[in-house]
Full PDB file with SEQRES, HELIX, SHEET, SSBOND, CRYST1, ORIGX, SCALE, CONECT and MASTER records, all heavy atoms in Angstrom:
SEQRES   1 A   30  ARG TYR ALA ILE ALA TRP PHE ARG GLN ALA PRO GLY LYS          
SEQRES   2 A   30  GLU ARG GLU GLY VAL SER CYS THR SER SER ARG GLU SER          
SEQRES   3 A   30  THR THR TYR TYR                                              
SHEET    1 AA1 2 ILE A   4  ARG A   8  0                                        
SHEET    2 AA1 2 GLU A  16  THR A  21 -1                                        
CRYST1    1.000    1.000    1.000  90.00  90.00  90.00 P 1           1          
ORIGX1      1.000000  0.000000  0.000000        0.00000                         
ORIGX2      0.000000  1.000000  0.000000        0.00000                         
ORIGX3      0.000000  0.000000  1.000000        0.00000                         
SCALE1      1.000000  0.000000  0.000000        0.00000                         
SCALE2      0.000000  1.000000  0.000000        0.00000                         
SCALE3      0.000000  0.000000  1.000000        0.00000                         
ATOM      1  N   ARG A   1      -6.435 -53.793 -30.996  1.00  0.00           N  
ATOM      2  CA  ARG A   1      -6.425 -52.471 -31.586  1.00  0.00           C  
ATOM      3  C   ARG A   1      -6.915 -52.457 -33.034  1.00  0.00           C  
ATOM      4  O   ARG A   1      -6.854 -51.409 -33.690  1.00  0.00           O  
ATOM      5  CB  ARG A   1      -5.018 -51.887 -31.513  1.00  0.00           C  
ATOM      6  CG  ARG A   1      -4.500 -51.746 -30.081  1.00  0.00           C  
ATOM      7  CD  ARG A   1      -3.067 -51.274 -30.059  1.00  0.00           C  
ATOM      8  NE  ARG A   1      -2.562 -51.170 -28.687  1.00  0.00           N  
ATOM      9  CZ  ARG A   1      -1.317 -50.884 -28.367  1.00  0.00           C  
ATOM     10  NH1 ARG A   1      -0.419 -50.656 -29.332  1.00  0.00           N  
ATOM     11  NH2 ARG A   1      -0.947 -50.817 -27.101  1.00  0.00           N  
ATOM     12  N   TYR A   2      -7.417 -53.581 -33.517  1.00  0.00           N  
ATOM     13  CA  TYR A   2      -7.839 -53.716 -34.898  1.00  0.00           C  
ATOM     14  C   TYR A   2      -9.275 -54.198 -34.990  1.00  0.00           C  
ATOM     15  O   TYR A   2      -9.743 -54.974 -34.154  1.00  0.00           O  
ATOM     16  CB  TYR A   2      -6.953 -54.723 -35.634  1.00  0.00           C  
ATOM     17  CG  TYR A   2      -5.559 -54.238 -35.896  1.00  0.00           C  
ATOM     18  CD1 TYR A   2      -4.637 -54.105 -34.870  1.00  0.00           C  
ATOM     19  CD2 TYR A   2      -5.158 -53.923 -37.195  1.00  0.00           C  
ATOM     20  CE1 TYR A   2      -3.354 -53.656 -35.114  1.00  0.00           C  
ATOM     21  CE2 TYR A   2      -3.870 -53.486 -37.447  1.00  0.00           C  
ATOM     22  CZ  TYR A   2      -2.974 -53.351 -36.411  1.00  0.00           C  
ATOM     23  OH  TYR A   2      -1.702 -52.916 -36.666  1.00  0.00           O  
ATOM     24  N   ALA A   3      -9.967 -53.744 -36.010  1.00  0.00           N  
ATOM     25  CA  ALA A   3     -11.172 -54.438 -36.424  1.00  0.00           C  
ATOM     26  C   ALA A   3     -10.755 -55.773 -37.035  1.00  0.00           C  
ATOM     27  O   ALA A   3      -9.783 -55.837 -37.793  1.00  0.00           O  
ATOM     28  CB  ALA A   3     -11.955 -53.616 -37.439  1.00  0.00           C  
ATOM     29  N   ILE A   4     -11.452 -56.830 -36.682  1.00  0.00           N  
ATOM     30  CA  ILE A   4     -11.134 -58.151 -37.206  1.00  0.00           C  
ATOM     31  C   ILE A   4     -12.333 -58.671 -37.991  1.00  0.00           C  
ATOM     32  O   ILE A   4     -13.484 -58.434 -37.626  1.00  0.00           O  
ATOM     33  CB  ILE A   4     -10.734 -59.137 -36.095  1.00  0.00           C  
ATOM     34  CG1 ILE A   4     -11.824 -59.235 -35.012  1.00  0.00           C  
ATOM     35  CG2 ILE A   4      -9.413 -58.717 -35.479  1.00  0.00           C  
ATOM     36  CD1 ILE A   4     -11.570 -60.323 -33.982  1.00  0.00           C  
ATOM     37  N   ALA A   5     -12.048 -59.398 -39.050  1.00  0.00           N  
ATOM     38  CA  ALA A   5     -13.102 -59.838 -39.951  1.00  0.00           C  
ATOM     39  C   ALA A   5     -12.766 -61.196 -40.535  1.00  0.00           C  
ATOM     40  O   ALA A   5     -11.609 -61.624 -40.557  1.00  0.00           O  
ATOM     41  CB  ALA A   5     -13.310 -58.821 -41.074  1.00  0.00           C  
ATOM     42  N   TRP A   6     -13.797 -61.863 -41.001  1.00  0.00           N  
ATOM     43  CA  TRP A   6     -13.660 -63.101 -41.758  1.00  0.00           C  
ATOM     44  C   TRP A   6     -14.319 -62.941 -43.118  1.00  0.00           C  
ATOM     45  O   TRP A   6     -15.441 -62.428 -43.217  1.00  0.00           O  
ATOM     46  CB  TRP A   6     -14.288 -64.288 -41.021  1.00  0.00           C  
ATOM     47  CG  TRP A   6     -13.499 -64.729 -39.837  1.00  0.00           C  
ATOM     48  CD1 TRP A   6     -13.669 -64.346 -38.547  1.00  0.00           C  
ATOM     49  CD2 TRP A   6     -12.407 -65.659 -39.834  1.00  0.00           C  
ATOM     50  NE1 TRP A   6     -12.754 -64.971 -37.737  1.00  0.00           N  
ATOM     51  CE2 TRP A   6     -11.970 -65.777 -38.497  1.00  0.00           C  
ATOM     52  CE3 TRP A   6     -11.763 -66.395 -40.834  1.00  0.00           C  
ATOM     53  CZ2 TRP A   6     -10.908 -66.613 -38.138  1.00  0.00           C  
ATOM     54  CZ3 TRP A   6     -10.700 -67.222 -40.474  1.00  0.00           C  
ATOM     55  CH2 TRP A   6     -10.290 -67.321 -39.139  1.00  0.00           C  
ATOM     56  N   PHE A   7     -13.612 -63.384 -44.131  1.00  0.00           N  
ATOM     57  CA  PHE A   7     -14.122 -63.461 -45.486  1.00  0.00           C  
ATOM     58  C   PHE A   7     -14.055 -64.905 -45.944  1.00  0.00           C  
ATOM     59  O   PHE A   7     -13.376 -65.733 -45.332  1.00  0.00           O  
ATOM     60  CB  PHE A   7     -13.293 -62.594 -46.440  1.00  0.00           C  
ATOM     61  CG  PHE A   7     -13.423 -61.114 -46.208  1.00  0.00           C  
ATOM     62  CD1 PHE A   7     -12.828 -60.503 -45.124  1.00  0.00           C  
ATOM     63  CD2 PHE A   7     -14.147 -60.328 -47.098  1.00  0.00           C  
ATOM     64  CE1 PHE A   7     -12.932 -59.138 -44.915  1.00  0.00           C  
ATOM     65  CE2 PHE A   7     -14.261 -58.961 -46.905  1.00  0.00           C  
ATOM     66  CZ  PHE A   7     -13.658 -58.369 -45.810  1.00  0.00           C  
ATOM     67  N   ARG A   8     -14.746 -65.215 -47.023  1.00  0.00           N  
ATOM     68  CA  ARG A   8     -14.658 -66.553 -47.586  1.00  0.00           C  
ATOM     69  C   ARG A   8     -14.794 -66.496 -49.099  1.00  0.00           C  
ATOM     70  O   ARG A   8     -15.398 -65.580 -49.650  1.00  0.00           O  
ATOM     71  CB  ARG A   8     -15.714 -67.490 -46.995  1.00  0.00           C  
ATOM     72  CG  ARG A   8     -17.149 -67.161 -47.381  1.00  0.00           C  
ATOM     73  CD  ARG A   8     -18.116 -68.081 -46.658  1.00  0.00           C  
ATOM     74  NE  ARG A   8     -19.499 -67.834 -47.039  1.00  0.00           N  
ATOM     75  CZ  ARG A   8     -20.542 -68.434 -46.474  1.00  0.00           C  
ATOM     76  NH1 ARG A   8     -20.353 -69.335 -45.510  1.00  0.00           N  
ATOM     77  NH2 ARG A   8     -21.772 -68.151 -46.884  1.00  0.00           N  
ATOM     78  N   GLN A   9     -14.228 -67.502 -49.748  1.00  0.00           N  
ATOM     79  CA  GLN A   9     -14.336 -67.620 -51.194  1.00  0.00           C  
ATOM     80  C   GLN A   9     -14.646 -69.067 -51.538  1.00  0.00           C  
ATOM     81  O   GLN A   9     -13.819 -69.955 -51.331  1.00  0.00           O  
ATOM     82  CB  GLN A   9     -13.058 -67.167 -51.888  1.00  0.00           C  
ATOM     83  CG  GLN A   9     -13.178 -67.125 -53.396  1.00  0.00           C  
ATOM     84  CD  GLN A   9     -12.039 -66.372 -54.054  1.00  0.00           C  
ATOM     85  OE1 GLN A   9     -10.974 -66.191 -53.466  1.00  0.00           O  
ATOM     86  NE2 GLN A   9     -12.260 -65.931 -55.278  1.00  0.00           N  
ATOM     87  N   ALA A  10     -15.833 -69.289 -52.054  1.00  0.00           N  
ATOM     88  CA  ALA A  10     -16.262 -70.618 -52.455  1.00  0.00           C  
ATOM     89  C   ALA A  10     -15.763 -70.910 -53.866  1.00  0.00           C  
ATOM     90  O   ALA A  10     -15.471 -69.988 -54.638  1.00  0.00           O  
ATOM     91  CB  ALA A  10     -17.785 -70.719 -52.397  1.00  0.00           C  
ATOM     92  N   PRO A  11     -15.671 -72.183 -54.226  1.00  0.00           N  
ATOM     93  CA  PRO A  11     -15.236 -72.522 -55.584  1.00  0.00           C  
ATOM     94  C   PRO A  11     -16.113 -71.865 -56.637  1.00  0.00           C  
ATOM     95  O   PRO A  11     -17.341 -71.964 -56.589  1.00  0.00           O  
ATOM     96  CB  PRO A  11     -15.365 -74.046 -55.625  1.00  0.00           C  
ATOM     97  CG  PRO A  11     -15.235 -74.468 -54.190  1.00  0.00           C  
ATOM     98  CD  PRO A  11     -15.887 -73.382 -53.400  1.00  0.00           C  
ATOM     99  N   GLY A  12     -15.485 -71.175 -57.563  1.00  0.00           N  
ATOM    100  CA  GLY A  12     -16.210 -70.516 -58.625  1.00  0.00           C  
ATOM    101  C   GLY A  12     -16.929 -69.246 -58.234  1.00  0.00           C  
ATOM    102  O   GLY A  12     -17.663 -68.680 -59.055  1.00  0.00           O  
ATOM    103  N   LYS A  13     -16.733 -68.779 -57.010  1.00  0.00           N  
ATOM    104  CA  LYS A  13     -17.408 -67.583 -56.523  1.00  0.00           C  
ATOM    105  C   LYS A  13     -16.395 -66.501 -56.169  1.00  0.00           C  
ATOM    106  O   LYS A  13     -15.214 -66.769 -55.966  1.00  0.00           O  
ATOM    107  CB  LYS A  13     -18.252 -67.901 -55.291  1.00  0.00           C  
ATOM    108  CG  LYS A  13     -19.294 -68.986 -55.496  1.00  0.00           C  
ATOM    109  CD  LYS A  13     -20.423 -68.518 -56.383  1.00  0.00           C  
ATOM    110  CE  LYS A  13     -21.518 -69.563 -56.458  1.00  0.00           C  
ATOM    111  NZ  LYS A  13     -22.652 -69.120 -57.307  1.00  0.00           N  
ATOM    112  N   GLU A  14     -16.878 -65.275 -56.075  1.00  0.00           N  
ATOM    113  CA  GLU A  14     -16.044 -64.174 -55.614  1.00  0.00           C  
ATOM    114  C   GLU A  14     -15.962 -64.174 -54.095  1.00  0.00           C  
ATOM    115  O   GLU A  14     -16.840 -64.695 -53.408  1.00  0.00           O  
ATOM    116  CB  GLU A  14     -16.592 -62.837 -56.111  1.00  0.00           C  
ATOM    117  CG  GLU A  14     -16.570 -62.675 -57.617  1.00  0.00           C  
ATOM    118  CD  GLU A  14     -16.999 -61.301 -58.063  1.00  0.00           C  
ATOM    119  OE1 GLU A  14     -17.256 -60.435 -57.204  1.00  0.00           O  
ATOM    120  OE2 GLU A  14     -17.077 -61.073 -59.276  1.00  0.00           O  
ATOM    121  N   ARG A  15     -14.901 -63.580 -53.577  1.00  0.00           N  
ATOM    122  CA  ARG A  15     -14.737 -63.497 -52.135  1.00  0.00           C  
ATOM    123  C   ARG A  15     -15.809 -62.593 -51.535  1.00  0.00           C  
ATOM    124  O   ARG A  15     -16.123 -61.532 -52.076  1.00  0.00           O  
ATOM    125  CB  ARG A  15     -13.345 -62.972 -51.793  1.00  0.00           C  
ATOM    126  CG  ARG A  15     -13.026 -62.994 -50.309  1.00  0.00           C  
ATOM    127  CD  ARG A  15     -11.531 -62.964 -50.057  1.00  0.00           C  
ATOM    128  NE  ARG A  15     -10.878 -61.825 -50.680  1.00  0.00           N  
ATOM    129  CZ  ARG A  15      -9.571 -61.654 -50.738  1.00  0.00           C  
ATOM    130  NH1 ARG A  15      -8.760 -62.587 -50.229  1.00  0.00           N  
ATOM    131  NH2 ARG A  15      -9.057 -60.590 -51.313  1.00  0.00           N  
ATOM    132  N   GLU A  16     -16.378 -63.024 -50.412  1.00  0.00           N  
ATOM    133  CA  GLU A  16     -17.425 -62.271 -49.759  1.00  0.00           C  
ATOM    134  C   GLU A  16     -17.113 -62.090 -48.277  1.00  0.00           C  
ATOM    135  O   GLU A  16     -16.481 -62.941 -47.658  1.00  0.00           O  
ATOM    136  CB  GLU A  16     -18.775 -62.966 -49.919  1.00  0.00           C  
ATOM    137  CG  GLU A  16     -18.848 -64.336 -49.257  1.00  0.00           C  
ATOM    138  CD  GLU A  16     -20.236 -64.939 -49.269  1.00  0.00           C  
ATOM    139  OE1 GLU A  16     -21.220 -64.182 -49.325  1.00  0.00           O  
ATOM    140  OE2 GLU A  16     -20.337 -66.185 -49.218  1.00  0.00           O  
ATOM    141  N   GLY A  17     -17.586 -61.002 -47.726  1.00  0.00           N  
ATOM    142  CA  GLY A  17     -17.445 -60.771 -46.307  1.00  0.00           C  
ATOM    143  C   GLY A  17     -18.407 -61.631 -45.517  1.00  0.00           C  
ATOM    144  O   GLY A  17     -19.562 -61.815 -45.902  1.00  0.00           O  
ATOM    145  N   VAL A  18     -17.940 -62.159 -44.394  1.00  0.00           N  
ATOM    146  CA  VAL A  18     -18.732 -63.039 -43.545  1.00  0.00           C  
ATOM    147  C   VAL A  18     -19.119 -62.357 -42.244  1.00  0.00           C  
ATOM    148  O   VAL A  18     -20.291 -62.335 -41.861  1.00  0.00           O  
ATOM    149  CB  VAL A  18     -17.974 -64.346 -43.246  1.00  0.00           C  
ATOM    150  CG1 VAL A  18     -18.750 -65.210 -42.258  1.00  0.00           C  
ATOM    151  CG2 VAL A  18     -17.708 -65.112 -44.539  1.00  0.00           C  
ATOM    152  N   SER A  19     -18.129 -61.804 -41.539  1.00  0.00           N  
ATOM    153  CA  SER A  19     -18.386 -61.221 -40.233  1.00  0.00           C  
ATOM    154  C   SER A  19     -17.272 -60.268 -39.867  1.00  0.00           C  
ATOM    155  O   SER A  19     -16.156 -60.371 -40.379  1.00  0.00           O  
ATOM    156  CB  SER A  19     -18.520 -62.321 -39.169  1.00  0.00           C  
ATOM    157  OG  SER A  19     -18.853 -61.779 -37.904  1.00  0.00           O  
ATOM    158  N   CYS A  20     -17.573 -59.358 -38.953  1.00  0.00           N  
ATOM    159  CA  CYS A  20     -16.596 -58.378 -38.506  1.00  0.00           C  
ATOM    160  C   CYS A  20     -16.939 -57.917 -37.101  1.00  0.00           C  
ATOM    161  O   CYS A  20     -18.116 -57.820 -36.748  1.00  0.00           O  
ATOM    162  CB  CYS A  20     -16.569 -57.191 -39.466  1.00  0.00           C  
ATOM    163  SG  CYS A  20     -15.350 -55.913 -39.075  1.00  0.00           S  
ATOM    164  N   THR A  21     -15.914 -57.621 -36.314  1.00  0.00           N  
ATOM    165  CA  THR A  21     -16.110 -57.041 -34.989  1.00  0.00           C  
ATOM    166  C   THR A  21     -14.986 -56.051 -34.722  1.00  0.00           C  
ATOM    167  O   THR A  21     -13.893 -56.162 -35.264  1.00  0.00           O  
ATOM    168  CB  THR A  21     -16.163 -58.120 -33.894  1.00  0.00           C  
ATOM    169  OG1 THR A  21     -16.538 -57.529 -32.642  1.00  0.00           O  
ATOM    170  CG2 THR A  21     -14.807 -58.797 -33.734  1.00  0.00           C  
ATOM    171  N   SER A  22     -15.288 -55.070 -33.876  1.00  0.00           N  
ATOM    172  CA  SER A  22     -14.331 -54.013 -33.580  1.00  0.00           C  
ATOM    173  C   SER A  22     -14.439 -53.607 -32.124  1.00  0.00           C  
ATOM    174  O   SER A  22     -15.547 -53.534 -31.578  1.00  0.00           O  
ATOM    175  CB  SER A  22     -14.567 -52.806 -34.479  1.00  0.00           C  
ATOM    176  OG  SER A  22     -13.758 -51.706 -34.090  1.00  0.00           O  
ATOM    177  N   SER A  23     -13.296 -53.312 -31.513  1.00  0.00           N  
ATOM    178  CA  SER A  23     -13.297 -52.806 -30.143  1.00  0.00           C  
ATOM    179  C   SER A  23     -13.823 -51.387 -30.074  1.00  0.00           C  
ATOM    180  O   SER A  23     -14.156 -50.908 -28.991  1.00  0.00           O  
ATOM    181  CB  SER A  23     -11.887 -52.874 -29.554  1.00  0.00           C  
ATOM    182  OG  SER A  23     -10.981 -52.078 -30.290  1.00  0.00           O  
ATOM    183  N   ARG A  24     -13.900 -50.693 -31.192  1.00  0.00           N  
ATOM    184  CA  ARG A  24     -14.403 -49.323 -31.238  1.00  0.00           C  
ATOM    185  C   ARG A  24     -15.915 -49.256 -31.336  1.00  0.00           C  
ATOM    186  O   ARG A  24     -16.507 -48.214 -31.134  1.00  0.00           O  
ATOM    187  CB  ARG A  24     -13.786 -48.577 -32.416  1.00  0.00           C  
ATOM    188  CG  ARG A  24     -12.280 -48.440 -32.359  1.00  0.00           C  
ATOM    189  CD  ARG A  24     -11.780 -47.629 -33.526  1.00  0.00           C  
ATOM    190  NE  ARG A  24     -12.289 -46.269 -33.477  1.00  0.00           N  
ATOM    191  CZ  ARG A  24     -12.250 -45.414 -34.496  1.00  0.00           C  
ATOM    192  NH1 ARG A  24     -11.722 -45.793 -35.646  1.00  0.00           N  
ATOM    193  NH2 ARG A  24     -12.728 -44.191 -34.349  1.00  0.00           N  
ATOM    194  N   GLU A  25     -16.548 -50.360 -31.673  1.00  0.00           N  
ATOM    195  CA  GLU A  25     -17.991 -50.407 -31.841  1.00  0.00           C  
ATOM    196  C   GLU A  25     -18.545 -51.614 -31.100  1.00  0.00           C  
ATOM    197  O   GLU A  25     -17.952 -52.687 -31.096  1.00  0.00           O  
ATOM    198  CB  GLU A  25     -18.371 -50.494 -33.322  1.00  0.00           C  
ATOM    199  CG  GLU A  25     -17.909 -49.317 -34.164  1.00  0.00           C  
ATOM    200  CD  GLU A  25     -18.712 -48.059 -33.917  1.00  0.00           C  
ATOM    201  OE1 GLU A  25     -19.830 -48.167 -33.388  1.00  0.00           O  
ATOM    202  OE2 GLU A  25     -18.223 -46.968 -34.246  1.00  0.00           O  
ATOM    203  N   SER A  26     -19.713 -51.438 -30.508  1.00  0.00           N  
ATOM    204  CA  SER A  26     -20.357 -52.542 -29.809  1.00  0.00           C  
ATOM    205  C   SER A  26     -21.101 -53.470 -30.759  1.00  0.00           C  
ATOM    206  O   SER A  26     -21.380 -54.614 -30.422  1.00  0.00           O  
ATOM    207  CB  SER A  26     -21.320 -52.008 -28.743  1.00  0.00           C  
ATOM    208  OG  SER A  26     -22.325 -51.203 -29.329  1.00  0.00           O  
ATOM    209  N   THR A  27     -21.436 -52.979 -31.926  1.00  0.00           N  
ATOM    210  CA  THR A  27     -22.189 -53.758 -32.896  1.00  0.00           C  
ATOM    211  C   THR A  27     -21.266 -54.686 -33.675  1.00  0.00           C  
ATOM    212  O   THR A  27     -20.220 -54.265 -34.169  1.00  0.00           O  
ATOM    213  CB  THR A  27     -22.930 -52.836 -33.870  1.00  0.00           C  
ATOM    214  OG1 THR A  27     -23.835 -52.000 -33.146  1.00  0.00           O  
ATOM    215  CG2 THR A  27     -23.712 -53.649 -34.887  1.00  0.00           C  
ATOM    216  N   THR A  28     -21.662 -55.933 -33.760  1.00  0.00           N  
ATOM    217  CA  THR A  28     -20.974 -56.924 -34.568  1.00  0.00           C  
ATOM    218  C   THR A  28     -21.798 -57.197 -35.811  1.00  0.00           C  
ATOM    219  O   THR A  28     -23.021 -57.309 -35.734  1.00  0.00           O  
ATOM    220  CB  THR A  28     -20.756 -58.219 -33.783  1.00  0.00           C  
ATOM    221  OG1 THR A  28     -19.975 -57.946 -32.614  1.00  0.00           O  
ATOM    222  CG2 THR A  28     -20.017 -59.251 -34.622  1.00  0.00           C  
ATOM    223  N   TYR A  29     -21.125 -57.288 -36.937  1.00  0.00           N  
ATOM    224  CA  TYR A  29     -21.835 -57.428 -38.203  1.00  0.00           C  
ATOM    225  C   TYR A  29     -21.673 -58.835 -38.751  1.00  0.00           C  
ATOM    226  O   TYR A  29     -20.577 -59.408 -38.722  1.00  0.00           O  
ATOM    227  CB  TYR A  29     -21.318 -56.417 -39.228  1.00  0.00           C  
ATOM    228  CG  TYR A  29     -22.052 -56.501 -40.540  1.00  0.00           C  
ATOM    229  CD1 TYR A  29     -23.285 -55.884 -40.701  1.00  0.00           C  
ATOM    230  CD2 TYR A  29     -21.528 -57.228 -41.611  1.00  0.00           C  
ATOM    231  CE1 TYR A  29     -23.975 -55.977 -41.896  1.00  0.00           C  
ATOM    232  CE2 TYR A  29     -22.215 -57.325 -42.803  1.00  0.00           C  
ATOM    233  CZ  TYR A  29     -23.436 -56.696 -42.938  1.00  0.00           C  
ATOM    234  OH  TYR A  29     -24.118 -56.790 -44.122  1.00  0.00           O  
ATOM    235  N   TYR A  30     -22.769 -59.376 -39.282  1.00  0.00           N  
ATOM    236  CA  TYR A  30     -22.766 -60.666 -39.958  1.00  0.00           C  
ATOM    237  C   TYR A  30     -23.477 -60.551 -41.295  1.00  0.00           C  
ATOM    238  O   TYR A  30     -24.500 -59.871 -41.407  1.00  0.00           O  
ATOM    239  CB  TYR A  30     -23.474 -61.739 -39.127  1.00  0.00           C  
ATOM    240  CG  TYR A  30     -22.815 -62.039 -37.810  1.00  0.00           C  
ATOM    241  CD1 TYR A  30     -23.194 -61.375 -36.650  1.00  0.00           C  
ATOM    242  CD2 TYR A  30     -21.807 -62.989 -37.725  1.00  0.00           C  
ATOM    243  CE1 TYR A  30     -22.584 -61.651 -35.441  1.00  0.00           C  
ATOM    244  CE2 TYR A  30     -21.194 -63.275 -36.521  1.00  0.00           C  
ATOM    245  CZ  TYR A  30     -21.589 -62.597 -35.380  1.00  0.00           C  
ATOM    246  OH  TYR A  30     -20.976 -62.880 -34.185  1.00  0.00           O  
TER     247      TYR A  30                                                      
MASTER        0    0    0    0    2    0    0    6  246    1    0    3          
END                                                                             
């Protein structure tokens, strides 16, 4: 029932979005 996503934060860097998927949408984002 949730959109699920992965983020990452490298040393010395800001956190960035990596990927996301949702049961409400067929499109997956990278």
